[in-house]
């Protein structure tokens, strides 16, 4: 008798809930298929719009996760599954995860902003967090930079989006400033002539913007001459050292000695 009652209850449940469950399963399978197609379409659309390659998989994953979550809610609603407890558990888990991952989420959001706004790109020379070097990779959570002495620096993206960054290569060139002091007995015209000759001999000094040579200060024991030269941003330090060596040799060869020489 008990078995008969139990079978009757199962039969009644199947009659009442069966159609809605079958419909919910159909919606679930069709929805998963459509979401899969949407993922392919999103990937192709972002590629056509030249969205940063590092950003594409993450954006696609986030959108697909949201779509799957919404599909799950629709499935539960059609199947008649009570969502009160589910919603409460999900909300509590969301709060806990948000508190635990606040720093990680901040780095993630900063990484997305950097990839979209592009204050710097891979290959740029930047000064950040007391380090100067070349950006080698921009990840979602952090950025890799190689310093000039070949150290790899890992910087969280939140530090790069919230603090000052100096991009020394974004404009394509940099100004090299050199100041030298000479004795008052040395004619300025001769100093300028030898400096001009050194600049012309260097070959890697840019013609535009124009170079500038002039007396920067007058002192009782001599005067100072300032050179403002423009050179390519990439290879700045190598060009600087090579030109300073060339300038020093030319001044010494012409007999224009600097103080202390």
C-alpha atoms as a PDB file:
ATOM      1  CA  UNK A   1       0.000   0.000   0.000  1.00  0.00           C
ATOM      2  CA  UNK A   2       2.789   2.380   0.922  1.00  0.00           C
ATOM      3  CA  UNK A   3       4.571   1.533  -2.301  1.00  0.00           C
ATOM      4  CA  UNK A   4       1.426   2.257  -4.275  1.00  0.00           C
ATOM      5  CA  UNK A   5       1.065   5.657  -2.603  1.00  0.00           C
ATOM      6  CA  UNK A   6       4.676   6.432  -3.278  1.00  0.00           C
ATOM      7  CA  UNK A   7       4.309   5.484  -6.960  1.00  0.00           C
ATOM      8  CA  UNK A   8       1.191   7.620  -7.215  1.00  0.00           C
ATOM      9  CA  UNK A   9       3.046  10.598  -5.780  1.00  0.00           C
ATOM     10  CA  UNK A  10       5.920  10.073  -8.236  1.00  0.00           C
ATOM     11  CA  UNK A  11       3.436   9.813 -11.084  1.00  0.00           C
ATOM     12  CA  UNK A  12       1.659  12.997 -10.011  1.00  0.00           C
ATOM     13  CA  UNK A  13       5.016  14.815  -9.666  1.00  0.00           C
ATOM     14  CA  UNK A  14       6.052  13.694 -13.164  1.00  0.00           C
ATOM     15  CA  UNK A  15       2.721  14.865 -14.601  1.00  0.00           C
ATOM     16  CA  UNK A  16       3.009  18.242 -12.853  1.00  0.00           C
ATOM     17  CA  UNK A  17       6.727  18.930 -13.121  1.00  0.00           C
ATOM     18  CA  UNK A  18       7.783  16.814 -16.085  1.00  0.00           C
ATOM     19  CA  UNK A  19       6.891  19.249 -18.858  1.00  0.00           C
ATOM     20  CA  UNK A  20       8.536  22.182 -17.139  1.00  0.00           C
ATOM     21  CA  UNK A  21      11.691  20.164 -16.419  1.00  0.00           C
ATOM     22  CA  UNK A  22      11.862  18.939 -20.015  1.00  0.00           C
ATOM     23  CA  UNK A  23      11.379  22.505 -21.231  1.00  0.00           C
ATOM     24  CA  UNK A  24      14.080  23.723 -18.821  1.00  0.00           C
ATOM     25  CA  UNK A  25      16.508  21.054 -20.070  1.00  0.00           C
ATOM     26  CA  UNK A  26      15.760  21.992 -23.658  1.00  0.00           C
ATOM     27  CA  UNK A  27      16.385  25.665 -22.868  1.00  0.00           C
ATOM     28  CA  UNK A  28      19.613  24.695 -21.077  1.00  0.00           C
ATOM     29  CA  UNK A  29      21.043  22.687 -23.988  1.00  0.00           C
ATOM     30  CA  UNK A  30      19.999  25.233 -26.620  1.00  0.00           C
ATOM     31  CA  UNK A  31      21.327  28.067 -24.450  1.00  0.00           C
ATOM     32  CA  UNK A  32      24.723  26.366 -24.006  1.00  0.00           C
ATOM     33  CA  UNK A  33      24.937  25.865 -27.781  1.00  0.00           C
ATOM     34  CA  UNK A  34      24.093  29.517 -28.439  1.00  0.00           C
ATOM     35  CA  UNK A  35      26.614  30.687 -25.823  1.00  0.00           C
ATOM     36  CA  UNK A  36      29.296  28.589 -27.539  1.00  0.00           C
ATOM     37  CA  UNK A  37      28.475  30.286 -30.834  1.00  0.00           C
ATOM     38  CA  UNK A  38      28.502  33.668 -29.108  1.00  0.00           C
ATOM     39  CA  UNK A  39      32.007  32.954 -27.798  1.00  0.00           C
ATOM     40  CA  UNK A  40      33.289  32.320 -31.314  1.00  0.00           C
ATOM     41  CA  UNK A  41      31.582  35.440 -32.631  1.00  0.00           C
ATOM     42  CA  UNK A  42      33.036  37.579 -29.815  1.00  0.00           C
ATOM     43  CA  UNK A  43      36.549  36.313 -30.511  1.00  0.00           C
ATOM     44  CA  UNK A  44      36.286  37.149 -34.215  1.00  0.00           C
ATOM     45  CA  UNK A  45      34.654  40.535 -33.511  1.00  0.00           C
ATOM     46  CA  UNK A  46      37.391  41.575 -31.069  1.00  0.00           C
ATOM     47  CA  UNK A  47      40.055  40.434 -33.537  1.00  0.00           C
ATOM     48  CA  UNK A  48      38.477  42.553 -36.286  1.00  0.00           C
ATOM     49  CA  UNK A  49      38.372  45.565 -33.964  1.00  0.00           C
ATOM     50  CA  UNK A  50      42.060  45.061 -33.008  1.00  0.00           C
ATOM     51  CA  UNK A  51      41.324  44.560 -29.318  1.00  0.00           C
ATOM     52  CA  UNK A  52      44.559  43.860 -27.425  1.00  0.00           C
ATOM     53  CA  UNK A  53      45.503  40.183 -27.776  1.00  0.00           C
ATOM     54  CA  UNK A  54      46.147  39.878 -24.029  1.00  0.00           C
ATOM     55  CA  UNK A  55      42.657  41.161 -23.279  1.00  0.00           C
ATOM     56  CA  UNK A  56      40.584  39.063 -25.699  1.00  0.00           C
ATOM     57  CA  UNK A  57      40.479  35.725 -23.825  1.00  0.00           C
ATOM     58  CA  UNK A  58      39.707  37.420 -20.508  1.00  0.00           C
ATOM     59  CA  UNK A  59      36.868  39.532 -21.882  1.00  0.00           C
ATOM     60  CA  UNK A  60      35.443  36.526 -23.717  1.00  0.00           C
ATOM     61  CA  UNK A  61      35.636  34.390 -20.567  1.00  0.00           C
ATOM     62  CA  UNK A  62      33.918  37.008 -18.421  1.00  0.00           C
ATOM     63  CA  UNK A  63      31.072  37.498 -20.910  1.00  0.00           C
ATOM     64  CA  UNK A  64      30.560  33.746 -21.299  1.00  0.00           C
ATOM     65  CA  UNK A  65      30.534  33.213 -17.528  1.00  0.00           C
ATOM     66  CA  UNK A  66      27.877  35.904 -17.128  1.00  0.00           C
ATOM     67  CA  UNK A  67      25.789  34.369 -19.941  1.00  0.00           C
ATOM     68  CA  UNK A  68      26.045  30.892 -18.400  1.00  0.00           C
ATOM     69  CA  UNK A  69      25.050  32.247 -15.007  1.00  0.00           C
ATOM     70  CA  UNK A  70      21.992  33.960 -16.495  1.00  0.00           C
ATOM     71  CA  UNK A  71      21.120  30.738 -18.346  1.00  0.00           C
ATOM     72  CA  UNK A  72      21.318  28.833 -15.063  1.00  0.00           C
ATOM     73  CA  UNK A  73      18.885  31.282 -13.465  1.00  0.00           C
ATOM     74  CA  UNK A  74      16.479  30.867 -16.384  1.00  0.00           C
ATOM     75  CA  UNK A  75      16.779  27.071 -16.124  1.00  0.00           C
ATOM     76  CA  UNK A  76      15.973  27.127 -12.404  1.00  0.00           C
ATOM     77  CA  UNK A  77      13.058  29.495 -12.941  1.00  0.00           C
ATOM     78  CA  UNK A  78      11.495  27.322 -15.670  1.00  0.00           C
ATOM     79  CA  UNK A  79      12.111  24.108 -13.717  1.00  0.00           C
ATOM     80  CA  UNK A  80      10.428  25.602 -10.655  1.00  0.00           C
ATOM     81  CA  UNK A  81      13.473  25.293  -8.392  1.00  0.00           C
ATOM     82  CA  UNK A  82      13.278  27.615  -5.373  1.00  0.00           C
ATOM     83  CA  UNK A  83      15.975  30.261  -5.650  1.00  0.00           C
ATOM     84  CA  UNK A  84      15.748  31.863  -2.191  1.00  0.00           C
ATOM     85  CA  UNK A  85      18.398  29.711  -0.527  1.00  0.00           C
ATOM     86  CA  UNK A  86      20.515  29.700  -3.677  1.00  0.00           C
ATOM     87  CA  UNK A  87      20.451  33.487  -3.867  1.00  0.00           C
ATOM     88  CA  UNK A  88      21.383  33.859  -0.188  1.00  0.00           C
ATOM     89  CA  UNK A  89      24.312  31.442  -0.515  1.00  0.00           C
ATOM     90  CA  UNK A  90      25.479  33.139  -3.713  1.00  0.00           C
ATOM     91  CA  UNK A  91      25.308  36.591  -2.109  1.00  0.00           C
ATOM     92  CA  UNK A  92      27.314  35.497   0.933  1.00  0.00           C
ATOM     93  CA  UNK A  93      29.899  33.808  -1.283  1.00  0.00           C
ATOM     94  CA  UNK A  94      30.133  36.959  -3.400  1.00  0.00           C
ATOM     95  CA  UNK A  95      30.786  39.148  -0.366  1.00  0.00           C
ATOM     96  CA  UNK A  96      33.442  36.769   0.993  1.00  0.00           C
ATOM     97  CA  UNK A  97      35.143  36.458  -2.384  1.00  0.00           C
ATOM     98  CA  UNK A  98      35.063  40.232  -2.860  1.00  0.00           C
ATOM     99  CA  UNK A  99      36.761  40.833   0.485  1.00  0.00           C
ATOM    100  CA  UNK A 100      39.347  38.118  -0.106  1.00  0.00           C
ATOM    101  CA  UNK A 101      40.151  39.174  -3.665  1.00  0.00           C
ATOM    102  CA  UNK A 102      39.850  42.956  -3.373  1.00  0.00           C
ATOM    103  CA  UNK A 103      43.526  43.513  -4.222  1.00  0.00           C
ATOM    104  CA  UNK A 104      43.451  40.982  -7.054  1.00  0.00           C
ATOM    105  CA  UNK A 105      40.293  42.494  -8.502  1.00  0.00           C
ATOM    106  CA  UNK A 106      41.857  45.943  -8.318  1.00  0.00           C
ATOM    107  CA  UNK A 107      44.876  44.669 -10.255  1.00  0.00           C
ATOM    108  CA  UNK A 108      42.530  43.055 -12.779  1.00  0.00           C
ATOM    109  CA  UNK A 109      40.545  46.274 -13.309  1.00  0.00           C
ATOM    110  CA  UNK A 110      43.783  48.239 -13.611  1.00  0.00           C
ATOM    111  CA  UNK A 111      45.115  45.768 -16.173  1.00  0.00           C
ATOM    112  CA  UNK A 112      41.993  46.165 -18.291  1.00  0.00           C
ATOM    113  CA  UNK A 113      42.330  49.974 -18.117  1.00  0.00           C
ATOM    114  CA  UNK A 114      46.000  49.839 -19.119  1.00  0.00           C
ATOM    115  CA  UNK A 115      45.262  47.583 -22.085  1.00  0.00           C
ATOM    116  CA  UNK A 116      42.372  49.805 -23.204  1.00  0.00           C
ATOM    117  CA  UNK A 117      43.827  53.287 -22.549  1.00  0.00           C
ATOM    118  CA  UNK A 118      47.435  52.339 -23.438  1.00  0.00           C
ATOM    119  CA  UNK A 119      49.466  54.812 -21.334  1.00  0.00           C
ATOM    120  CA  UNK A 120      52.377  52.563 -22.311  1.00  0.00           C
ATOM    121  CA  UNK A 121      52.838  49.528 -24.532  1.00  0.00           C
ATOM    122  CA  UNK A 122      55.219  46.615 -24.822  1.00  0.00           C
ATOM    123  CA  UNK A 123      58.598  47.958 -25.937  1.00  0.00           C
ATOM    124  CA  UNK A 124      58.189  51.391 -24.301  1.00  0.00           C
ATOM    125  CA  UNK A 125      60.798  52.661 -21.856  1.00  0.00           C
ATOM    126  CA  UNK A 126      59.142  53.805 -18.639  1.00  0.00           C
ATOM    127  CA  UNK A 127      60.059  54.959 -15.150  1.00  0.00           C
ATOM    128  CA  UNK A 128      57.769  53.467 -12.504  1.00  0.00           C
ATOM    129  CA  UNK A 129      58.080  52.522  -8.836  1.00  0.00           C
ATOM    130  CA  UNK A 130      61.669  53.778  -8.776  1.00  0.00           C
ATOM    131  CA  UNK A 131      62.719  51.575 -11.714  1.00  0.00           C
ATOM    132  CA  UNK A 132      63.549  52.492 -15.293  1.00  0.00           C
ATOM    133  CA  UNK A 133      63.495  49.966 -18.078  1.00  0.00           C
ATOM    134  CA  UNK A 134      61.657  48.452 -21.029  1.00  0.00           C
ATOM    135  CA  UNK A 135      58.146  47.005 -20.769  1.00  0.00           C
ATOM    136  CA  UNK A 136      58.356  43.363 -21.896  1.00  0.00           C
ATOM    137  CA  UNK A 137      54.805  42.167 -21.142  1.00  0.00           C
ATOM    138  CA  UNK A 138      51.472  43.532 -19.931  1.00  0.00           C
ATOM    139  CA  UNK A 139      49.417  40.889 -18.129  1.00  0.00           C
ATOM    140  CA  UNK A 140      45.945  41.267 -16.676  1.00  0.00           C
ATOM    141  CA  UNK A 141      47.198  41.367 -13.080  1.00  0.00           C
ATOM    142  CA  UNK A 142      50.775  42.646 -13.436  1.00  0.00           C
ATOM    143  CA  UNK A 143      53.302  44.171 -15.839  1.00  0.00           C
ATOM    144  CA  UNK A 144      56.829  42.926 -16.523  1.00  0.00           C
ATOM    145  CA  UNK A 145      59.671  45.379 -17.028  1.00  0.00           C
ATOM    146  CA  UNK A 146      63.336  44.672 -17.755  1.00  0.00           C
ATOM    147  CA  UNK A 147      65.734  47.263 -16.342  1.00  0.00           C
ATOM    148  CA  UNK A 148      68.883  48.393 -18.129  1.00  0.00           C
ATOM    149  CA  UNK A 149      71.002  46.146 -15.886  1.00  0.00           C
ATOM    150  CA  UNK A 150      68.842  43.151 -16.952  1.00  0.00           C
ATOM    151  CA  UNK A 151      66.673  42.802 -13.844  1.00  0.00           C
ATOM    152  CA  UNK A 152      63.078  41.667 -14.347  1.00  0.00           C
ATOM    153  CA  UNK A 153      60.662  43.778 -12.294  1.00  0.00           C
ATOM    154  CA  UNK A 154      57.089  42.569 -11.681  1.00  0.00           C
ATOM    155  CA  UNK A 155      54.775  45.513 -10.921  1.00  0.00           C
ATOM    156  CA  UNK A 156      51.106  45.038  -9.886  1.00  0.00           C
ATOM    157  CA  UNK A 157      48.865  46.868 -12.336  1.00  0.00           C
ATOM    158  CA  UNK A 158      47.112  48.786  -9.549  1.00  0.00           C
ATOM    159  CA  UNK A 159      50.433  50.534  -8.835  1.00  0.00           C
ATOM    160  CA  UNK A 160      50.739  51.558 -12.477  1.00  0.00           C
ATOM    161  CA  UNK A 161      47.177  52.862 -12.828  1.00  0.00           C
ATOM    162  CA  UNK A 162      47.103  54.847  -9.561  1.00  0.00           C
ATOM    163  CA  UNK A 163      50.587  56.351  -9.442  1.00  0.00           C
ATOM    164  CA  UNK A 164      52.823  58.468 -11.674  1.00  0.00           C
ATOM    165  CA  UNK A 165      54.399  56.762 -14.692  1.00  0.00           C
ATOM    166  CA  UNK A 166      56.992  58.469 -16.876  1.00  0.00           C
ATOM    167  CA  UNK A 167      56.899  57.147 -20.425  1.00  0.00           C
ATOM    168  CA  UNK A 168      60.211  58.279 -21.864  1.00  0.00           C
ATOM    169  CA  UNK A 169      59.727  56.778 -25.323  1.00  0.00           C
ATOM    170  CA  UNK A 170      56.126  57.625 -26.222  1.00  0.00           C
ATOM    171  CA  UNK A 171      57.141  60.790 -28.137  1.00  0.00           C
ATOM    172  CA  UNK A 172      59.939  58.992 -30.009  1.00  0.00           C
ATOM    173  CA  UNK A 173      62.866  61.164 -28.880  1.00  0.00           C
ATOM    174  CA  UNK A 174      64.483  62.565 -25.737  1.00  0.00           C
ATOM    175  CA  UNK A 175      66.578  65.603 -24.927  1.00  0.00           C
ATOM    176  CA  UNK A 176      70.151  65.140 -23.797  1.00  0.00           C
ATOM    177  CA  UNK A 177      71.445  67.929 -21.535  1.00  0.00           C
ATOM    178  CA  UNK A 178      75.202  68.343 -20.972  1.00  0.00           C
ATOM    179  CA  UNK A 179      76.716  71.164 -18.955  1.00  0.00           C
ATOM    180  CA  UNK A 180      80.486  71.804 -18.904  1.00  0.00           C
ATOM    181  CA  UNK A 181      82.543  74.441 -17.125  1.00  0.00           C
ATOM    182  CA  UNK A 182      85.485  76.302 -18.699  1.00  0.00           C
ATOM    183  CA  UNK A 183      88.064  78.774 -17.489  1.00  0.00           C
ATOM    184  CA  UNK A 184      87.534  82.438 -18.385  1.00  0.00           C
ATOM    185  CA  UNK A 185      90.761  82.349 -20.385  1.00  0.00           C
ATOM    186  CA  UNK A 186      89.243  79.894 -22.874  1.00  0.00           C
ATOM    187  CA  UNK A 187      87.364  81.653 -25.709  1.00  0.00           C
ATOM    188  CA  UNK A 188      83.690  80.727 -25.839  1.00  0.00           C
ATOM    189  CA  UNK A 189      83.663  80.876 -29.654  1.00  0.00           C
ATOM    190  CA  UNK A 190      86.283  78.122 -29.822  1.00  0.00           C
ATOM    191  CA  UNK A 191      84.369  76.014 -27.302  1.00  0.00           C
ATOM    192  CA  UNK A 192      81.186  76.352 -29.331  1.00  0.00           C
ATOM    193  CA  UNK A 193      83.026  75.536 -32.561  1.00  0.00           C
ATOM    194  CA  UNK A 194      84.434  72.279 -31.159  1.00  0.00           C
ATOM    195  CA  UNK A 195      81.054  71.322 -29.714  1.00  0.00           C
ATOM    196  CA  UNK A 196      79.361  71.889 -33.053  1.00  0.00           C
ATOM    197  CA  UNK A 197      82.020  69.758 -34.750  1.00  0.00           C
ATOM    198  CA  UNK A 198      81.513  66.944 -32.209  1.00  0.00           C
ATOM    199  CA  UNK A 199      77.742  67.028 -32.788  1.00  0.00           C
ATOM    200  CA  UNK A 200      78.184  66.850 -36.569  1.00  0.00           C
ATOM    201  CA  UNK A 201      80.653  63.977 -36.229  1.00  0.00           C
ATOM    202  CA  UNK A 202      78.348  61.978 -33.932  1.00  0.00           C
ATOM    203  CA  UNK A 203      75.864  61.206 -36.696  1.00  0.00           C
ATOM    204  CA  UNK A 204      73.072  60.045 -34.347  1.00  0.00           C
ATOM    205  CA  UNK A 205      71.959  63.492 -33.135  1.00  0.00           C
ATOM    206  CA  UNK A 206      68.552  64.518 -34.483  1.00  0.00           C
ATOM    207  CA  UNK A 207      68.300  67.680 -36.576  1.00  0.00           C
ATOM    208  CA  UNK A 208      64.770  68.404 -35.311  1.00  0.00           C
ATOM    209  CA  UNK A 209      64.119  69.785 -32.776  1.00  0.00           C
ATOM    210  CA  UNK A 210      67.100  72.051 -33.264  1.00  0.00           C
ATOM    211  CA  UNK A 211      70.165  71.740 -31.057  1.00  0.00           C
ATOM    212  CA  UNK A 212      70.942  74.521 -28.606  1.00  0.00           C
ATOM    213  CA  UNK A 213      74.328  75.630 -27.248  1.00  0.00           C
ATOM    214  CA  UNK A 214      74.776  78.589 -24.900  1.00  0.00           C
ATOM    215  CA  UNK A 215      76.332  79.944 -21.729  1.00  0.00           C
ATOM    216  CA  UNK A 216      74.178  78.758 -18.827  1.00  0.00           C
ATOM    217  CA  UNK A 217      75.955  80.660 -16.029  1.00  0.00           C
ATOM    218  CA  UNK A 218      78.833  83.034 -15.331  1.00  0.00           C
ATOM    219  CA  UNK A 219      81.058  82.418 -12.304  1.00  0.00           C
ATOM    220  CA  UNK A 220      84.093  84.286 -10.914  1.00  0.00           C
ATOM    221  CA  UNK A 221      86.380  81.409 -11.902  1.00  0.00           C
ATOM    222  CA  UNK A 222      84.828  80.587 -15.270  1.00  0.00           C
ATOM    223  CA  UNK A 223      81.630  79.999 -17.188  1.00  0.00           C
ATOM    224  CA  UNK A 224      79.357  77.045 -17.920  1.00  0.00           C
ATOM    225  CA  UNK A 225      78.184  75.962 -21.341  1.00  0.00           C
ATOM    226  CA  UNK A 226      74.946  73.995 -21.787  1.00  0.00           C
ATOM    227  CA  UNK A 227      74.193  71.657 -24.705  1.00  0.00           C
ATOM    228  CA  UNK A 228      70.593  70.642 -25.428  1.00  0.00           C
ATOM    229  CA  UNK A 229      70.517  67.856 -27.999  1.00  0.00           C
ATOM    230  CA  UNK A 230      67.726  65.589 -29.191  1.00  0.00           C
ATOM    231  CA  UNK A 231      68.294  61.887 -29.744  1.00  0.00           C
ATOM    232  CA  UNK A 232      66.134  58.789 -30.265  1.00  0.00           C
ATOM    233  CA  UNK A 233      64.443  57.531 -27.110  1.00  0.00           C
ATOM    234  CA  UNK A 234      65.449  53.920 -27.720  1.00  0.00           C
ATOM    235  CA  UNK A 235      69.136  53.508 -27.057  1.00  0.00           C
ATOM    236  CA  UNK A 236      69.256  56.851 -25.207  1.00  0.00           C
ATOM    237  CA  UNK A 237      71.894  55.795 -22.682  1.00  0.00           C
ATOM    238  CA  UNK A 238      74.186  54.234 -25.306  1.00  0.00           C
ATOM    239  CA  UNK A 239      73.993  57.358 -27.474  1.00  0.00           C
ATOM    240  CA  UNK A 240      74.610  59.599 -24.458  1.00  0.00           C
ATOM    241  CA  UNK A 241      77.762  57.774 -23.372  1.00  0.00           C
ATOM    242  CA  UNK A 242      79.125  57.537 -26.918  1.00  0.00           C
ATOM    243  CA  UNK A 243      78.602  61.252 -27.572  1.00  0.00           C
ATOM    244  CA  UNK A 244      80.120  62.317 -24.244  1.00  0.00           C
ATOM    245  CA  UNK A 245      83.208  60.249 -25.047  1.00  0.00           C
ATOM    246  CA  UNK A 246      83.449  61.817 -28.503  1.00  0.00           C
ATOM    247  CA  UNK A 247      82.996  65.333 -27.094  1.00  0.00           C
ATOM    248  CA  UNK A 248      85.616  64.823 -24.406  1.00  0.00           C
ATOM    249  CA  UNK A 249      88.195  63.537 -26.890  1.00  0.00           C
ATOM    250  CA  UNK A 250      87.564  66.436 -29.262  1.00  0.00           C
ATOM    251  CA  UNK A 251      87.877  69.068 -26.548  1.00  0.00           C
ATOM    252  CA  UNK A 252      91.090  67.532 -25.237  1.00  0.00           C
ATOM    253  CA  UNK A 253      92.564  67.208 -28.739  1.00  0.00           C
ATOM    254  CA  UNK A 254      91.867  70.890 -29.440  1.00  0.00           C
ATOM    255  CA  UNK A 255      93.555  71.974 -26.183  1.00  0.00           C
ATOM    256  CA  UNK A 256      90.347  73.164 -24.476  1.00  0.00           C
ATOM    257  CA  UNK A 257      90.920  71.710 -21.035  1.00  0.00           C
ATOM    258  CA  UNK A 258      88.153  71.433 -18.458  1.00  0.00           C
ATOM    259  CA  UNK A 259      88.771  72.393 -14.810  1.00  0.00           C
ATOM    260  CA  UNK A 260      90.777  69.715 -13.046  1.00  0.00           C
ATOM    261  CA  UNK A 261      92.356  68.411 -16.267  1.00  0.00           C
END
